[in-house]
Protein backbone atom coordinates (compact mmCIF):
# COMPACT_ATOMS: atom_id res chain seq x y z
CA TYR A 1 84.93 63.71 123.86
CA MET A 2 81.73 63.59 124.53
CA SER A 3 79.99 60.24 123.35
CA GLY A 4 76.98 58.84 125.13
CA CYS A 5 76.90 61.61 128.06
CA ILE A 6 73.15 63.53 128.98
CA LEU A 7 73.47 66.62 127.10
CA ASP A 8 69.44 67.55 128.85
CA ARG A 9 69.41 71.05 128.64
CA VAL A 10 72.92 71.74 127.76
CA SER A 11 72.91 75.49 125.95
CA GLY A 12 75.47 76.68 124.30
CA VAL A 13 77.30 74.52 122.07
CA ASP A 14 76.44 76.34 119.26
CA GLN A 15 78.40 79.38 120.31
CA ALA A 16 81.32 77.78 120.91
CA LYS A 17 84.42 79.64 118.29
CA ARG A 18 85.30 75.90 117.83
CA LEU A 19 83.69 72.61 117.25
CA ASP A 20 86.60 70.51 115.73
CA GLY A 21 87.51 66.42 116.68
CA ILE A 22 84.10 67.19 119.13
CA ASP A 23 82.26 63.58 119.27
CA LEU A 24 78.53 64.19 120.51
CA SER A 25 77.79 60.68 119.08
CA ASN A 26 75.51 57.83 121.12
CA LEU A 27 74.03 60.77 123.81
CA GLU A 28 72.00 59.12 126.31
CA GLN A 29 70.30 62.70 126.28
CA GLY A 30 70.34 65.93 124.68
CA TRP A 31 70.59 64.90 120.71
CA ASP A 32 69.34 67.51 120.30
CA VAL A 33 71.64 69.96 121.36
CA LEU A 34 72.34 71.41 118.63
CA ARG A 35 68.77 71.37 116.69
CA GLY A 36 67.51 74.91 114.93
CA LYS A 37 70.71 76.46 115.10
CA SER A 38 73.21 78.26 113.13
CA LEU A 39 76.61 77.24 112.72
CA THR A 40 77.11 79.59 109.77
CA GLY A 41 80.93 79.91 109.34
CA LYS A 42 81.77 77.94 112.04
CA SER A 43 84.25 74.94 111.86
CA LEU A 44 83.92 71.17 112.74
CA LYS A 45 86.41 70.09 110.87
CA GLY A 46 86.67 65.93 111.76
CA ALA A 47 83.05 66.32 113.77
CA ASN A 48 81.61 63.13 114.99
CA LEU A 49 77.32 63.76 115.11
CA HIS A 50 76.29 60.42 114.81
CA GLY A 51 72.80 60.19 114.95
CA LEU A 52 71.98 63.53 116.27
CA ASP A 53 68.56 65.84 115.60
CA LEU A 54 69.87 68.80 113.55
CA SER A 55 66.51 69.43 112.19
CA GLY A 56 66.81 73.29 111.30
CA CYS A 57 70.52 73.52 110.91
CA ASP A 58 72.34 75.94 109.36
CA PHE A 59 75.76 75.24 107.83
CA THR A 60 76.36 77.73 105.46
CA GLY A 61 80.06 78.91 105.18
CA ALA A 62 80.92 76.06 107.66
CA ASP A 63 84.01 73.80 107.35
CA LEU A 64 82.61 70.73 107.43
CA SER A 65 85.38 68.74 106.18
CA ASN A 66 85.42 64.63 107.54
CA VAL A 67 82.34 65.35 110.05
CA TYR A 68 81.02 62.38 109.78
CA MET A 69 76.28 62.60 110.19
CA SER A 70 75.63 59.24 109.38
CA GLY A 71 72.65 58.30 111.23
CA CYS A 72 71.52 62.40 111.64
CA ILE A 73 68.26 63.98 111.12
CA LEU A 74 68.46 67.29 109.15
CA GLU A 75 65.07 68.09 108.09
CA ARG A 76 64.37 71.66 106.96
CA GLY A 77 68.52 72.23 108.06
CA LYS A 78 70.09 74.07 105.05
CA GLY A 79 74.14 75.36 103.70
CA VAL A 80 75.53 72.01 103.75
CA ASP A 81 75.55 73.02 99.60
CA GLN A 82 76.96 76.36 100.98
CA ALA A 83 79.83 74.87 103.34
CA LYS A 84 83.29 75.73 103.14
CA ARG A 85 84.33 73.01 103.03
CA LEU A 86 82.42 69.11 102.74
CA ASP A 87 85.36 66.79 101.36
CA GLY A 88 85.11 64.04 103.33
CA ILE A 89 81.59 64.55 105.07
CA ASP A 90 79.79 60.84 105.88
CA LEU A 91 76.38 61.55 105.57
CA SER A 92 75.00 58.33 104.90
CA HIS A 93 71.68 56.67 105.44
CA LEU A 94 69.85 59.88 106.97
CA GLU A 95 67.40 59.45 109.18
CA GLY A 96 65.76 62.79 108.01
CA GLY A 97 66.35 65.40 105.25
CA ARG A 98 67.96 62.81 102.90
CA SER A 99 67.28 65.26 99.71
CA ILE A 100 69.28 68.10 101.65
CA LEU A 101 71.04 68.33 98.78
CA ARG A 102 68.94 67.38 95.71
CA GLY A 103 68.38 70.43 93.42
CA LYS A 104 71.46 71.77 95.16
CA SER A 105 74.44 73.56 92.97
CA LEU A 106 77.45 72.12 94.81
CA THR A 107 79.63 73.62 91.36
CA GLY A 108 83.73 73.89 91.87
CA LYS A 109 83.10 72.22 95.58
CA SER A 110 85.56 69.17 96.88
CA LEU A 111 83.61 66.40 97.79
CA LYS A 112 87.14 64.21 97.88
CA GLY A 113 85.87 60.98 100.12
CA ALA A 114 82.76 62.18 100.45
CA LYS A 115 79.71 59.74 101.56
CA LEU A 116 76.66 59.91 100.07
CA GLY A 117 75.22 56.94 100.01
CA HIS A 118 71.72 56.96 99.97
CA LEU A 119 70.74 60.28 98.96
CA ASP A 120 68.85 62.24 97.17
CA LEU A 121 70.79 64.31 94.39
CA SER A 122 67.95 64.73 91.64
CA GLY A 123 68.97 67.73 89.91
CA CYS A 124 72.38 68.28 91.42
CA ASP A 125 74.98 69.86 89.64
CA PHE A 126 78.60 69.24 89.74
CA THR A 127 80.07 70.86 87.62
CA GLY A 128 83.61 71.49 88.27
CA ALA A 129 83.66 69.69 91.17
CA ASP A 130 85.61 67.19 92.61
CA LEU A 131 84.29 64.15 92.96
CA SER A 132 87.40 61.70 93.58
CA ASN A 133 86.27 58.22 95.91
CA VAL A 134 82.84 59.53 96.78
CA ASN A 135 80.22 56.86 97.24
CA MET A 136 77.01 57.90 95.92
CA SER A 137 76.26 54.23 95.79
CA GLY A 138 71.41 54.13 96.51
CA CYS A 139 71.71 57.42 95.47
CA ARG A 140 68.79 59.10 94.15
CA MET A 141 71.02 60.39 90.77
CA GLU A 142 67.65 61.59 88.46
CA GLY A 143 68.21 65.29 86.55
CA VAL A 144 72.12 65.68 88.00
CA ARG A 145 74.68 68.09 85.55
CA GLY A 146 78.28 67.43 85.85
CA LEU A 147 79.07 63.92 86.16
CA THR A 148 81.25 63.17 83.05
């Protein structure tokens, strides 16, 4: 639990083997501790990353189930669509990077309980995806496929 900490000039957080349940919300300083880092294949299950600058992060193959990213900056972020798990992820109210999923294929992914409010989902393909209890309120939906 690191909520409210000062993480200025800290390094190596991205090198941790597992980041399950880590709480990096409301940092006083160091809110960019993960900016531009590769989180490829990492498990962040249940992590609270509220308000962090995750610009340029690579989430390819990561477990992002139940990760709270509301208020984050995800500009130039990649791989969210290629994450291993997205059940319960909260991507609502992003400060930057609202188009992180635009035009992506989420075919066959499980997004059960995900909060995607106010994202640009234009051109996404949800064919065969599990969208049980997904919140898409306020989303741009032009050209979305796979919603029946």
